C-alpha atoms as a PDB file:
ATOM      1  CA  UNK A   1     160.122 136.304-137.695  1.00  0.00           C
ATOM      2  CA  UNK A   2     160.767 132.928-136.007  1.00  0.00           C
ATOM      3  CA  UNK A   3     157.706 133.477-133.778  1.00  0.00           C
ATOM      4  CA  UNK A   4     155.592 134.232-136.877  1.00  0.00           C
ATOM      5  CA  UNK A   5     156.860 131.132-138.665  1.00  0.00           C
ATOM      6  CA  UNK A   6     155.932 128.948-135.706  1.00  0.00           C
ATOM      7  CA  UNK A   7     152.532 130.578-135.443  1.00  0.00           C
ATOM      8  CA  UNK A   8     151.830 129.761-139.088  1.00  0.00           C
ATOM      9  CA  UNK A   9     153.108 126.211-138.667  1.00  0.00           C
ATOM     10  CA  UNK A  10     151.087 125.488-135.557  1.00  0.00           C
ATOM     11  CA  UNK A  11     147.863 127.137-136.652  1.00  0.00           C
ATOM     12  CA  UNK A  12     148.070 126.243-140.316  1.00  0.00           C
ATOM     13  CA  UNK A  13     148.218 129.867-141.389  1.00  0.00           C
ATOM     14  CA  UNK A  14     145.277 131.043-139.268  1.00  0.00           C
ATOM     15  CA  UNK A  15     145.633 132.632-135.849  1.00  0.00           C
ATOM     16  CA  UNK A  16     142.102 131.756-134.768  1.00  0.00           C
ATOM     17  CA  UNK A  17     141.296 130.096-131.464  1.00  0.00           C
ATOM     18  CA  UNK A  18     139.727 127.020-133.093  1.00  0.00           C
ATOM     19  CA  UNK A  19     141.775 123.925-132.561  1.00  0.00           C
ATOM     20  CA  UNK A  20     144.219 125.091-129.888  1.00  0.00           C
ATOM     21  CA  UNK A  21     147.679 124.908-131.494  1.00  0.00           C
ATOM     22  CA  UNK A  22     146.173 123.645-134.735  1.00  0.00           C
ATOM     23  CA  UNK A  23     144.681 120.478-133.258  1.00  0.00           C
ATOM     24  CA  UNK A  24     141.347 120.769-135.025  1.00  0.00           C
ATOM     25  CA  UNK A  25     142.789 120.649-138.541  1.00  0.00           C
ATOM     26  CA  UNK A  26     142.879 117.864-141.099  1.00  0.00           C
ATOM     27  CA  UNK A  27     144.740 114.771-139.866  1.00  0.00           C
ATOM     28  CA  UNK A  28     145.066 112.816-143.140  1.00  0.00           C
ATOM     29  CA  UNK A  29     148.329 110.912-143.308  1.00  0.00           C
ATOM     30  CA  UNK A  30     149.044 110.997-139.590  1.00  0.00           C
ATOM     31  CA  UNK A  31     148.768 108.041-137.210  1.00  0.00           C
ATOM     32  CA  UNK A  32     145.255 107.281-135.987  1.00  0.00           C
ATOM     33  CA  UNK A  33     144.179 107.079-132.355  1.00  0.00           C
ATOM     34  CA  UNK A  34     142.563 103.657-131.917  1.00  0.00           C
ATOM     35  CA  UNK A  35     140.605 102.252-128.958  1.00  0.00           C
ATOM     36  CA  UNK A  36     142.438  98.928-129.206  1.00  0.00           C
ATOM     37  CA  UNK A  37     145.907 100.491-128.872  1.00  0.00           C
ATOM     38  CA  UNK A  38     147.676  99.552-125.637  1.00  0.00           C
ATOM     39  CA  UNK A  39     149.533 102.209-123.657  1.00  0.00           C
ATOM     40  CA  UNK A  40     152.667 100.900-121.978  1.00  0.00           C
ATOM     41  CA  UNK A  41     155.365 102.555-119.899  1.00  0.00           C
ATOM     42  CA  UNK A  42     158.213 103.423-120.044  1.00  0.00           C
ATOM     43  CA  UNK A  43     157.865 103.243-123.858  1.00  0.00           C
ATOM     44  CA  UNK A  44     154.987 105.726-124.023  1.00  0.00           C
ATOM     45  CA  UNK A  45     156.854 108.316-121.988  1.00  0.00           C
ATOM     46  CA  UNK A  46     158.735 108.803-125.245  1.00  0.00           C
ATOM     47  CA  UNK A  47     157.743 110.669-128.422  1.00  0.00           C
ATOM     48  CA  UNK A  48     155.207 109.450-130.991  1.00  0.00           C
ATOM     49  CA  UNK A  49     156.405 111.221-134.158  1.00  0.00           C
ATOM     50  CA  UNK A  50     153.780 109.635-136.444  1.00  0.00           C
ATOM     51  CA  UNK A  51     151.038 111.507-134.572  1.00  0.00           C
ATOM     52  CA  UNK A  52     150.489 115.162-135.293  1.00  0.00           C
ATOM     53  CA  UNK A  53     150.797 116.523-131.747  1.00  0.00           C
ATOM     54  CA  UNK A  54     151.664 115.516-128.200  1.00  0.00           C
ATOM     55  CA  UNK A  55     152.732 117.035-124.909  1.00  0.00           C
ATOM     56  CA  UNK A  56     154.443 116.398-121.589  1.00  0.00           C
ATOM     57  CA  UNK A  57     152.660 118.626-119.088  1.00  0.00           C
ATOM     58  CA  UNK A  58     153.445 119.271-115.404  1.00  0.00           C
ATOM     59  CA  UNK A  59     151.539 121.391-112.896  1.00  0.00           C
ATOM     60  CA  UNK A  60     152.396 121.815-109.210  1.00  0.00           C
ATOM     61  CA  UNK A  61     150.446 123.338-106.329  1.00  0.00           C
ATOM     62  CA  UNK A  62     153.095 124.628-103.918  1.00  0.00           C
ATOM     63  CA  UNK A  63     153.552 126.452-100.605  1.00  0.00           C
ATOM     64  CA  UNK A  64     156.678 128.098 -99.284  1.00  0.00           C
ATOM     65  CA  UNK A  65     158.001 128.026 -95.702  1.00  0.00           C
ATOM     66  CA  UNK A  66     155.667 130.895 -94.756  1.00  0.00           C
ATOM     67  CA  UNK A  67     152.614 129.101 -96.130  1.00  0.00           C
ATOM     68  CA  UNK A  68     152.371 131.315 -99.210  1.00  0.00           C
ATOM     69  CA  UNK A  69     150.605 129.519-102.066  1.00  0.00           C
ATOM     70  CA  UNK A  70     152.010 129.448-105.575  1.00  0.00           C
ATOM     71  CA  UNK A  71     151.918 127.307-108.671  1.00  0.00           C
ATOM     72  CA  UNK A  72     154.401 126.114-111.272  1.00  0.00           C
ATOM     73  CA  UNK A  73     153.674 124.877-114.790  1.00  0.00           C
ATOM     74  CA  UNK A  74     155.886 123.285-117.457  1.00  0.00           C
ATOM     75  CA  UNK A  75     154.782 121.940-120.841  1.00  0.00           C
ATOM     76  CA  UNK A  76     156.770 120.542-123.750  1.00  0.00           C
ATOM     77  CA  UNK A  77     154.870 120.232-127.047  1.00  0.00           C
ATOM     78  CA  UNK A  78     155.919 118.273-130.136  1.00  0.00           C
ATOM     79  CA  UNK A  79     154.302 118.977-133.510  1.00  0.00           C
ATOM     80  CA  UNK A  80     154.741 117.168-136.810  1.00  0.00           C
ATOM     81  CA  UNK A  81     154.596 119.655-139.689  1.00  0.00           C
ATOM     82  CA  UNK A  82     153.914 116.988-142.340  1.00  0.00           C
ATOM     83  CA  UNK A  83     152.881 113.342-142.319  1.00  0.00           C
ATOM     84  CA  UNK A  84     155.789 112.272-144.534  1.00  0.00           C
ATOM     85  CA  UNK A  85     158.618 110.122-143.106  1.00  0.00           C
ATOM     86  CA  UNK A  86     160.931 111.974-140.751  1.00  0.00           C
ATOM     87  CA  UNK A  87     164.136 113.454-142.058  1.00  0.00           C
ATOM     88  CA  UNK A  88     167.454 113.970-140.298  1.00  0.00           C
ATOM     89  CA  UNK A  89     168.923 117.205-138.988  1.00  0.00           C
ATOM     90  CA  UNK A  90     167.340 120.351-140.429  1.00  0.00           C
ATOM     91  CA  UNK A  91     165.149 118.113-142.620  1.00  0.00           C
ATOM     92  CA  UNK A  92     163.278 116.880-139.545  1.00  0.00           C
ATOM     93  CA  UNK A  93     159.527 117.423-139.781  1.00  0.00           C
ATOM     94  CA  UNK A  94     159.246 117.839-135.997  1.00  0.00           C
ATOM     95  CA  UNK A  95     159.037 121.176-134.205  1.00  0.00           C
ATOM     96  CA  UNK A  96     158.978 121.772-130.470  1.00  0.00           C
ATOM     97  CA  UNK A  97     157.511 124.408-128.189  1.00  0.00           C
ATOM     98  CA  UNK A  98     157.661 124.741-124.394  1.00  0.00           C
ATOM     99  CA  UNK A  99     155.888 126.909-121.848  1.00  0.00           C
ATOM    100  CA  UNK A 100     156.855 127.561-118.247  1.00  0.00           C
ATOM    101  CA  UNK A 101     155.112 129.708-115.648  1.00  0.00           C
ATOM    102  CA  UNK A 102     155.023 130.630-111.982  1.00  0.00           C
ATOM    103  CA  UNK A 103     151.847 131.981-110.403  1.00  0.00           C
ATOM    104  CA  UNK A 104     151.364 133.707-107.042  1.00  0.00           C
ATOM    105  CA  UNK A 105     148.393 135.657-105.722  1.00  0.00           C
ATOM    106  CA  UNK A 106     149.725 138.871-107.298  1.00  0.00           C
ATOM    107  CA  UNK A 107     152.094 137.701-110.040  1.00  0.00           C
ATOM    108  CA  UNK A 108     151.861 135.501-113.122  1.00  0.00           C
ATOM    109  CA  UNK A 109     155.186 135.135-114.918  1.00  0.00           C
ATOM    110  CA  UNK A 110     155.586 132.973-118.001  1.00  0.00           C
ATOM    111  CA  UNK A 111     158.013 132.185-120.796  1.00  0.00           C
ATOM    112  CA  UNK A 112     158.101 130.300-124.085  1.00  0.00           C
ATOM    113  CA  UNK A 113     160.771 128.426-126.036  1.00  0.00           C
ATOM    114  CA  UNK A 114     160.637 127.307-129.695  1.00  0.00           C
ATOM    115  CA  UNK A 115     162.904 124.762-131.396  1.00  0.00           C
ATOM    116  CA  UNK A 116     163.419 122.712-134.517  1.00  0.00           C
ATOM    117  CA  UNK A 117     163.690 118.955-134.218  1.00  0.00           C
ATOM    118  CA  UNK A 118     166.659 116.958-135.407  1.00  0.00           C
ATOM    119  CA  UNK A 119     169.425 119.322-134.297  1.00  0.00           C
ATOM    120  CA  UNK A 120     169.694 118.501-130.571  1.00  0.00           C
ATOM    121  CA  UNK A 121     167.930 121.631-129.317  1.00  0.00           C
ATOM    122  CA  UNK A 122     164.890 119.753-127.980  1.00  0.00           C
ATOM    123  CA  UNK A 123     163.663 116.205-127.673  1.00  0.00           C
ATOM    124  CA  UNK A 124     162.668 113.280-125.480  1.00  0.00           C
ATOM    125  CA  UNK A 125     164.664 110.180-124.477  1.00  0.00           C
ATOM    126  CA  UNK A 126     163.217 107.225-122.547  1.00  0.00           C
ATOM    127  CA  UNK A 127     166.203 105.327-121.064  1.00  0.00           C
ATOM    128  CA  UNK A 128     166.737 107.216-118.847  1.00  0.00           C
ATOM    129  CA  UNK A 129     163.854 109.590-119.338  1.00  0.00           C
ATOM    130  CA  UNK A 130     164.712 113.136-120.391  1.00  0.00           C
ATOM    131  CA  UNK A 131     162.463 115.766-121.985  1.00  0.00           C
ATOM    132  CA  UNK A 132     164.218 119.051-122.774  1.00  0.00           C
ATOM    133  CA  UNK A 133     164.315 122.226-124.776  1.00  0.00           C
ATOM    134  CA  UNK A 134     167.467 124.321-124.447  1.00  0.00           C
ATOM    135  CA  UNK A 135     168.341 124.349-120.708  1.00  0.00           C
ATOM    136  CA  UNK A 136     164.779 123.622-119.575  1.00  0.00           C
ATOM    137  CA  UNK A 137     164.255 119.999-118.687  1.00  0.00           C
ATOM    138  CA  UNK A 138     162.289 117.202-117.026  1.00  0.00           C
ATOM    139  CA  UNK A 139     164.822 114.480-116.201  1.00  0.00           C
ATOM    140  CA  UNK A 140     164.822 111.152-114.368  1.00  0.00           C
ATOM    141  CA  UNK A 141     167.508 110.921-111.730  1.00  0.00           C
ATOM    142  CA  UNK A 142     167.881 107.131-111.857  1.00  0.00           C
ATOM    143  CA  UNK A 143     166.974 104.068-113.915  1.00  0.00           C
ATOM    144  CA  UNK A 144     163.254 104.381-113.108  1.00  0.00           C
ATOM    145  CA  UNK A 145     161.010 107.174-114.366  1.00  0.00           C
ATOM    146  CA  UNK A 146     160.647 108.658-110.856  1.00  0.00           C
ATOM    147  CA  UNK A 147     162.206 110.610-109.139  1.00  0.00           C
ATOM    148  CA  UNK A 148     162.621 113.459-111.624  1.00  0.00           C
ATOM    149  CA  UNK A 149     164.027 116.958-111.627  1.00  0.00           C
ATOM    150  CA  UNK A 150     162.200 119.828-113.311  1.00  0.00           C
ATOM    151  CA  UNK A 151     163.822 123.141-114.148  1.00  0.00           C
ATOM    152  CA  UNK A 152     162.976 126.244-116.160  1.00  0.00           C
ATOM    153  CA  UNK A 153     163.579 129.959-116.032  1.00  0.00           C
ATOM    154  CA  UNK A 154     162.212 133.070-117.671  1.00  0.00           C
ATOM    155  CA  UNK A 155     162.069 136.788-117.136  1.00  0.00           C
ATOM    156  CA  UNK A 156     161.492 137.342-113.408  1.00  0.00           C
ATOM    157  CA  UNK A 157     161.247 133.683-112.365  1.00  0.00           C
ATOM    158  CA  UNK A 158     162.944 130.315-112.154  1.00  0.00           C
ATOM    159  CA  UNK A 159     162.365 126.969-110.489  1.00  0.00           C
ATOM    160  CA  UNK A 160     164.279 123.809-109.705  1.00  0.00           C
ATOM    161  CA  UNK A 161     161.964 121.103-108.419  1.00  0.00           C
ATOM    162  CA  UNK A 162     162.129 117.430-107.452  1.00  0.00           C
ATOM    163  CA  UNK A 163     159.151 115.193-108.270  1.00  0.00           C
ATOM    164  CA  UNK A 164     158.630 111.815-106.590  1.00  0.00           C
ATOM    165  CA  UNK A 165     155.717 109.604-107.688  1.00  0.00           C
ATOM    166  CA  UNK A 166     153.771 108.171-104.743  1.00  0.00           C
ATOM    167  CA  UNK A 167     151.293 106.265-106.879  1.00  0.00           C
ATOM    168  CA  UNK A 168     150.996 104.671-110.332  1.00  0.00           C
ATOM    169  CA  UNK A 169     150.516 106.131-113.777  1.00  0.00           C
ATOM    170  CA  UNK A 170     146.802 106.092-114.571  1.00  0.00           C
ATOM    171  CA  UNK A 171     144.948 105.908-117.872  1.00  0.00           C
ATOM    172  CA  UNK A 172     142.361 108.528-118.752  1.00  0.00           C
ATOM    173  CA  UNK A 173     139.200 107.890-120.747  1.00  0.00           C
ATOM    174  CA  UNK A 174     138.709 104.164-121.307  1.00  0.00           C
ATOM    175  CA  UNK A 175     142.097 102.480-120.859  1.00  0.00           C
ATOM    176  CA  UNK A 176     143.828 105.564-122.240  1.00  0.00           C
ATOM    177  CA  UNK A 177     141.445 106.148-125.163  1.00  0.00           C
ATOM    178  CA  UNK A 178     139.998 109.598-124.425  1.00  0.00           C
ATOM    179  CA  UNK A 179     137.022 110.639-126.594  1.00  0.00           C
ATOM    180  CA  UNK A 180     136.669 114.400-127.196  1.00  0.00           C
ATOM    181  CA  UNK A 181     133.382 114.738-129.097  1.00  0.00           C
ATOM    182  CA  UNK A 182     130.234 112.977-130.249  1.00  0.00           C
ATOM    183  CA  UNK A 183     131.917 112.717-133.674  1.00  0.00           C
ATOM    184  CA  UNK A 184     134.601 110.459-132.204  1.00  0.00           C
ATOM    185  CA  UNK A 185     137.706 112.675-132.073  1.00  0.00           C
ATOM    186  CA  UNK A 186     140.038 111.162-129.491  1.00  0.00           C
ATOM    187  CA  UNK A 187     143.508 111.111-127.981  1.00  0.00           C
ATOM    188  CA  UNK A 188     145.706 108.690-126.109  1.00  0.00           C
ATOM    189  CA  UNK A 189     145.878 110.080-122.576  1.00  0.00           C
ATOM    190  CA  UNK A 190     147.623 109.042-119.355  1.00  0.00           C
ATOM    191  CA  UNK A 191     148.488 110.896-116.153  1.00  0.00           C
ATOM    192  CA  UNK A 192     150.737 110.753-113.121  1.00  0.00           C
ATOM    193  CA  UNK A 193     148.635 112.593-110.474  1.00  0.00           C
ATOM    194  CA  UNK A 194     150.587 111.387-107.435  1.00  0.00           C
ATOM    195  CA  UNK A 195     153.748 113.487-107.444  1.00  0.00           C
ATOM    196  CA  UNK A 196     155.146 114.898-104.222  1.00  0.00           C
ATOM    197  CA  UNK A 197     157.085 118.045-105.098  1.00  0.00           C
ATOM    198  CA  UNK A 198     159.872 119.908-103.319  1.00  0.00           C
ATOM    199  CA  UNK A 199     162.510 122.404-104.312  1.00  0.00           C
ATOM    200  CA  UNK A 200     163.095 126.091-104.942  1.00  0.00           C
ATOM    201  CA  UNK A 201     161.147 128.781-106.778  1.00  0.00           C
ATOM    202  CA  UNK A 202     162.485 132.293-107.370  1.00  0.00           C
ATOM    203  CA  UNK A 203     160.041 135.116-108.075  1.00  0.00           C
ATOM    204  CA  UNK A 204     161.456 138.522-109.007  1.00  0.00           C
ATOM    205  CA  UNK A 205     164.682 137.941-107.099  1.00  0.00           C
ATOM    206  CA  UNK A 206     163.176 136.362-103.981  1.00  0.00           C
ATOM    207  CA  UNK A 207     163.897 132.668-103.373  1.00  0.00           C
ATOM    208  CA  UNK A 208     161.266 130.362-101.866  1.00  0.00           C
ATOM    209  CA  UNK A 209     161.757 126.824-100.586  1.00  0.00           C
ATOM    210  CA  UNK A 210     158.565 124.980-101.517  1.00  0.00           C
ATOM    211  CA  UNK A 211     156.700 121.713-101.085  1.00  0.00           C
ATOM    212  CA  UNK A 212     153.460 120.507-102.599  1.00  0.00           C
ATOM    213  CA  UNK A 213     151.701 118.184-105.014  1.00  0.00           C
ATOM    214  CA  UNK A 214     152.150 117.734-108.745  1.00  0.00           C
ATOM    215  CA  UNK A 215     150.325 116.293-111.738  1.00  0.00           C
ATOM    216  CA  UNK A 216     151.716 115.154-115.079  1.00  0.00           C
ATOM    217  CA  UNK A 217     149.681 114.602-118.252  1.00  0.00           C
ATOM    218  CA  UNK A 218     150.879 112.660-121.299  1.00  0.00           C
ATOM    219  CA  UNK A 219     148.685 113.032-124.335  1.00  0.00           C
ATOM    220  CA  UNK A 220     149.123 112.444-128.055  1.00  0.00           C
ATOM    221  CA  UNK A 221     146.771 112.586-131.012  1.00  0.00           C
ATOM    222  CA  UNK A 222     146.345 113.731-134.591  1.00  0.00           C
ATOM    223  CA  UNK A 223     142.938 115.412-134.453  1.00  0.00           C
ATOM    224  CA  UNK A 224     141.513 115.638-130.915  1.00  0.00           C
ATOM    225  CA  UNK A 225     139.028 118.455-131.619  1.00  0.00           C
ATOM    226  CA  UNK A 226     135.966 118.640-133.862  1.00  0.00           C
ATOM    227  CA  UNK A 227     135.559 121.545-136.283  1.00  0.00           C
ATOM    228  CA  UNK A 228     132.945 123.247-134.088  1.00  0.00           C
ATOM    229  CA  UNK A 229     134.985 123.057-130.856  1.00  0.00           C
ATOM    230  CA  UNK A 230     136.815 126.383-130.261  1.00  0.00           C
ATOM    231  CA  UNK A 231     138.557 125.290-127.049  1.00  0.00           C
ATOM    232  CA  UNK A 232     138.264 123.667-123.652  1.00  0.00           C
ATOM    233  CA  UNK A 233     137.979 124.267-119.908  1.00  0.00           C
ATOM    234  CA  UNK A 234     140.021 121.643-118.032  1.00  0.00           C
ATOM    235  CA  UNK A 235     140.559 120.889-114.335  1.00  0.00           C
ATOM    236  CA  UNK A 236     142.992 118.512-112.603  1.00  0.00           C
ATOM    237  CA  UNK A 237     142.244 118.312-108.877  1.00  0.00           C
ATOM    238  CA  UNK A 238     143.767 116.807-105.745  1.00  0.00           C
ATOM    239  CA  UNK A 239     140.818 116.181-103.407  1.00  0.00           C
ATOM    240  CA  UNK A 240     140.384 115.354 -99.733  1.00  0.00           C
ATOM    241  CA  UNK A 241     141.476 111.792 -98.972  1.00  0.00           C
ATOM    242  CA  UNK A 242     143.919 111.760-101.926  1.00  0.00           C
ATOM    243  CA  UNK A 243     141.281 111.052-104.562  1.00  0.00           C
ATOM    244  CA  UNK A 244     141.988 112.797-107.875  1.00  0.00           C
ATOM    245  CA  UNK A 245     139.634 114.246-110.456  1.00  0.00           C
ATOM    246  CA  UNK A 246     140.287 115.178-114.064  1.00  0.00           C
ATOM    247  CA  UNK A 247     137.308 116.823-115.749  1.00  0.00           C
ATOM    248  CA  UNK A 248     136.899 119.086-118.738  1.00  0.00           C
ATOM    249  CA  UNK A 249     134.362 120.792-120.963  1.00  0.00           C
ATOM    250  CA  UNK A 250     135.039 120.889-124.695  1.00  0.00           C
ATOM    251  CA  UNK A 251     133.013 123.848-125.889  1.00  0.00           C
ATOM    252  CA  UNK A 252     130.712 123.492-128.880  1.00  0.00           C
ATOM    253  CA  UNK A 253     130.017 126.484-131.102  1.00  0.00           C
ATOM    254  CA  UNK A 254     126.409 125.312-131.188  1.00  0.00           C
ATOM    255  CA  UNK A 255     124.495 122.869-129.031  1.00  0.00           C
ATOM    256  CA  UNK A 256     125.543 121.177-125.807  1.00  0.00           C
ATOM    257  CA  UNK A 257     129.178 121.225-124.737  1.00  0.00           C
ATOM    258  CA  UNK A 258     130.986 117.879-124.495  1.00  0.00           C
ATOM    259  CA  UNK A 259     131.960 116.989-120.914  1.00  0.00           C
ATOM    260  CA  UNK A 260     134.047 114.078-119.776  1.00  0.00           C
ATOM    261  CA  UNK A 261     136.655 113.136-117.176  1.00  0.00           C
ATOM    262  CA  UNK A 262     138.006 110.461-114.873  1.00  0.00           C
ATOM    263  CA  UNK A 263     137.684 109.765-111.151  1.00  0.00           C
ATOM    264  CA  UNK A 264     140.916 108.364-109.699  1.00  0.00           C
ATOM    265  CA  UNK A 265     141.021 106.598-106.334  1.00  0.00           C
ATOM    266  CA  UNK A 266     143.947 107.049-103.896  1.00  0.00           C
ATOM    267  CA  UNK A 267     145.194 103.635-105.076  1.00  0.00           C
ATOM    268  CA  UNK A 268     145.241 104.744-108.720  1.00  0.00           C
ATOM    269  CA  UNK A 269     142.098 103.066-110.061  1.00  0.00           C
ATOM    270  CA  UNK A 270     140.751 105.257-112.876  1.00  0.00           C
ATOM    271  CA  UNK A 271     137.076 105.296-113.893  1.00  0.00           C
ATOM    272  CA  UNK A 272     135.735 107.276-116.822  1.00  0.00           C
ATOM    273  CA  UNK A 273     132.945 109.749-116.122  1.00  0.00           C
ATOM    274  CA  UNK A 274     130.413 109.775-118.943  1.00  0.00           C
ATOM    275  CA  UNK A 275     129.302 113.148-120.341  1.00  0.00           C
ATOM    276  CA  UNK A 276     125.867 112.816-118.714  1.00  0.00           C
ATOM    277  CA  UNK A 277     127.400 112.397-115.245  1.00  0.00           C
ATOM    278  CA  UNK A 278     129.041 115.827-115.142  1.00  0.00           C
ATOM    279  CA  UNK A 279     127.773 119.365-114.734  1.00  0.00           C
ATOM    280  CA  UNK A 280     130.403 122.096-115.113  1.00  0.00           C
ATOM    281  CA  UNK A 281     129.108 125.651-114.728  1.00  0.00           C
ATOM    282  CA  UNK A 282     131.002 128.966-114.809  1.00  0.00           C
ATOM    283  CA  UNK A 283     130.016 131.136-111.835  1.00  0.00           C
ATOM    284  CA  UNK A 284     132.297 134.199-112.172  1.00  0.00           C
ATOM    285  CA  UNK A 285     134.396 135.801-114.901  1.00  0.00           C
ATOM    286  CA  UNK A 286     137.532 137.932-115.120  1.00  0.00           C
ATOM    287  CA  UNK A 287     138.504 140.543-117.692  1.00  0.00           C
ATOM    288  CA  UNK A 288     142.015 139.676-118.808  1.00  0.00           C
ATOM    289  CA  UNK A 289     143.922 140.366-122.043  1.00  0.00           C
ATOM    290  CA  UNK A 290     140.817 142.055-123.522  1.00  0.00           C
ATOM    291  CA  UNK A 291     138.826 138.871-123.006  1.00  0.00           C
ATOM    292  CA  UNK A 292     136.095 137.755-120.622  1.00  0.00           C
ATOM    293  CA  UNK A 293     137.268 134.483-119.089  1.00  0.00           C
ATOM    294  CA  UNK A 294     135.290 132.241-116.679  1.00  0.00           C
ATOM    295  CA  UNK A 295     137.721 131.875-113.780  1.00  0.00           C
ATOM    296  CA  UNK A 296     135.429 130.402-111.095  1.00  0.00           C
ATOM    297  CA  UNK A 297     133.569 127.150-111.623  1.00  0.00           C
ATOM    298  CA  UNK A 298     131.012 124.864-110.038  1.00  0.00           C
ATOM    299  CA  UNK A 299     131.449 121.160-110.775  1.00  0.00           C
ATOM    300  CA  UNK A 300     128.757 118.612-109.898  1.00  0.00           C
ATOM    301  CA  UNK A 301     129.032 114.838-110.242  1.00  0.00           C
ATOM    302  CA  UNK A 302     125.915 113.426-108.508  1.00  0.00           C
ATOM    303  CA  UNK A 303     127.048 109.817-108.949  1.00  0.00           C
ATOM    304  CA  UNK A 304     130.058 110.628-106.724  1.00  0.00           C
ATOM    305  CA  UNK A 305     128.205 112.931-104.326  1.00  0.00           C
ATOM    306  CA  UNK A 306     130.465 115.749-105.515  1.00  0.00           C
ATOM    307  CA  UNK A 307     129.460 119.408-105.554  1.00  0.00           C
ATOM    308  CA  UNK A 308     132.474 121.723-105.544  1.00  0.00           C
ATOM    309  CA  UNK A 309     133.496 125.254-106.451  1.00  0.00           C
ATOM    310  CA  UNK A 310     136.905 126.362-107.648  1.00  0.00           C
ATOM    311  CA  UNK A 311     138.587 129.715-107.033  1.00  0.00           C
ATOM    312  CA  UNK A 312     141.771 130.852-108.803  1.00  0.00           C
ATOM    313  CA  UNK A 313     144.835 131.872-106.824  1.00  0.00           C
ATOM    314  CA  UNK A 314     145.328 134.627-109.404  1.00  0.00           C
ATOM    315  CA  UNK A 315     142.456 135.347-111.822  1.00  0.00           C
ATOM    316  CA  UNK A 316     144.885 137.155-114.173  1.00  0.00           C
ATOM    317  CA  UNK A 317     146.961 134.043-114.945  1.00  0.00           C
ATOM    318  CA  UNK A 318     147.064 134.589-118.708  1.00  0.00           C
ATOM    319  CA  UNK A 319     149.802 133.051-120.866  1.00  0.00           C
ATOM    320  CA  UNK A 320     150.475 135.511-123.701  1.00  0.00           C
ATOM    321  CA  UNK A 321     152.378 132.896-125.709  1.00  0.00           C
ATOM    322  CA  UNK A 322     152.223 131.955-129.398  1.00  0.00           C
ATOM    323  CA  UNK A 323     148.826 130.401-128.695  1.00  0.00           C
ATOM    324  CA  UNK A 324     147.314 132.367-125.798  1.00  0.00           C
ATOM    325  CA  UNK A 325     145.406 130.716-122.958  1.00  0.00           C
ATOM    326  CA  UNK A 326     144.560 130.927-119.245  1.00  0.00           C
ATOM    327  CA  UNK A 327     146.472 128.634-116.852  1.00  0.00           C
ATOM    328  CA  UNK A 328     146.747 128.748-113.070  1.00  0.00           C
ATOM    329  CA  UNK A 329     146.315 127.077-109.682  1.00  0.00           C
ATOM    330  CA  UNK A 330     142.925 126.879-107.990  1.00  0.00           C
ATOM    331  CA  UNK A 331     141.559 125.999-104.565  1.00  0.00           C
ATOM    332  CA  UNK A 332     138.487 123.807-104.162  1.00  0.00           C
ATOM    333  CA  UNK A 333     135.636 124.135-101.644  1.00  0.00           C
ATOM    334  CA  UNK A 334     132.431 122.170-101.126  1.00  0.00           C
ATOM    335  CA  UNK A 335     131.867 118.466-100.604  1.00  0.00           C
ATOM    336  CA  UNK A 336     135.434 117.526-101.608  1.00  0.00           C
ATOM    337  CA  UNK A 337     137.895 120.336-100.711  1.00  0.00           C
ATOM    338  CA  UNK A 338     141.289 120.407-102.332  1.00  0.00           C
ATOM    339  CA  UNK A 339     143.471 122.160-104.890  1.00  0.00           C
ATOM    340  CA  UNK A 340     144.564 121.802-108.454  1.00  0.00           C
ATOM    341  CA  UNK A 341     144.948 123.526-111.796  1.00  0.00           C
ATOM    342  CA  UNK A 342     142.603 125.106-114.331  1.00  0.00           C
ATOM    343  CA  UNK A 343     143.422 125.512-118.021  1.00  0.00           C
ATOM    344  CA  UNK A 344     141.173 127.298-120.526  1.00  0.00           C
ATOM    345  CA  UNK A 345     141.841 127.679-124.235  1.00  0.00           C
ATOM    346  CA  UNK A 346     140.107 129.350-127.142  1.00  0.00           C
ATOM    347  CA  UNK A 347     138.966 132.580-125.461  1.00  0.00           C
END
């Protein structure tokens, strides 16, 4: 019953793919994303309860001592159920959801947690930083935001990781104002793509000591999708020479899809890529969860001399959570080899 209640809350009573987690619905009464709003840290590591939705999202491309590739994902979502002023305790209008997963070449294990706000079961603090739900958590280990520890566990897996930022937070879109459609839907969006990651991952009873690279996204909005956008295809990539690329395709039910992204230099300078600069083409599909999902992609950005292809570590990396989606690590070949993560919603 609790799972059903959350499904109705998050999707507004409709379990359709449109507006992943209810993000395409009416936003009247909620805070508005504005291009003149300034994003500042550490304040904006914290929650924004006047906006309808936000998330703290970590992905990590890892290898164990034997060179075996794997990935780890952790996401904490906050949703406001109503735009009225927040209440205390059980009267809180905030609900929380978290996803965690571990992916190897032959396994994809995931788990979900759900919580009410206001009762200490989940939340986010900024000084020091702590984002948690039950015993899962992303926690600063000192006065500064980095280093952090990240821990979660589910059926058949667990991880305890240490994340150290080796570069600055960067703003996506234009100074953190990330447009999602020609109609002007937008979010506030920032990333930390420079994490070095180390720690331990356990998969079905076998422990692995791992190292690798991580990426964190911070995003909040009240209506980031247009009515005719059923979902997105999103890539975050660590490329040769430590450049980073975030690029995604917001699918349109009719007409051209909306493509955008940011190119990030090794020093952390972030430049928006206009929709006309990007070509993102599916080149192979996988049958998973009774769906046909495009799991291999070609991405071309002629202005950057980039022509790459992505391949999933595990094409069956499907998260059968309250809102279902594909999420997993990828390798990159072509002009700018590398690795990263692919997320696809609305299939």
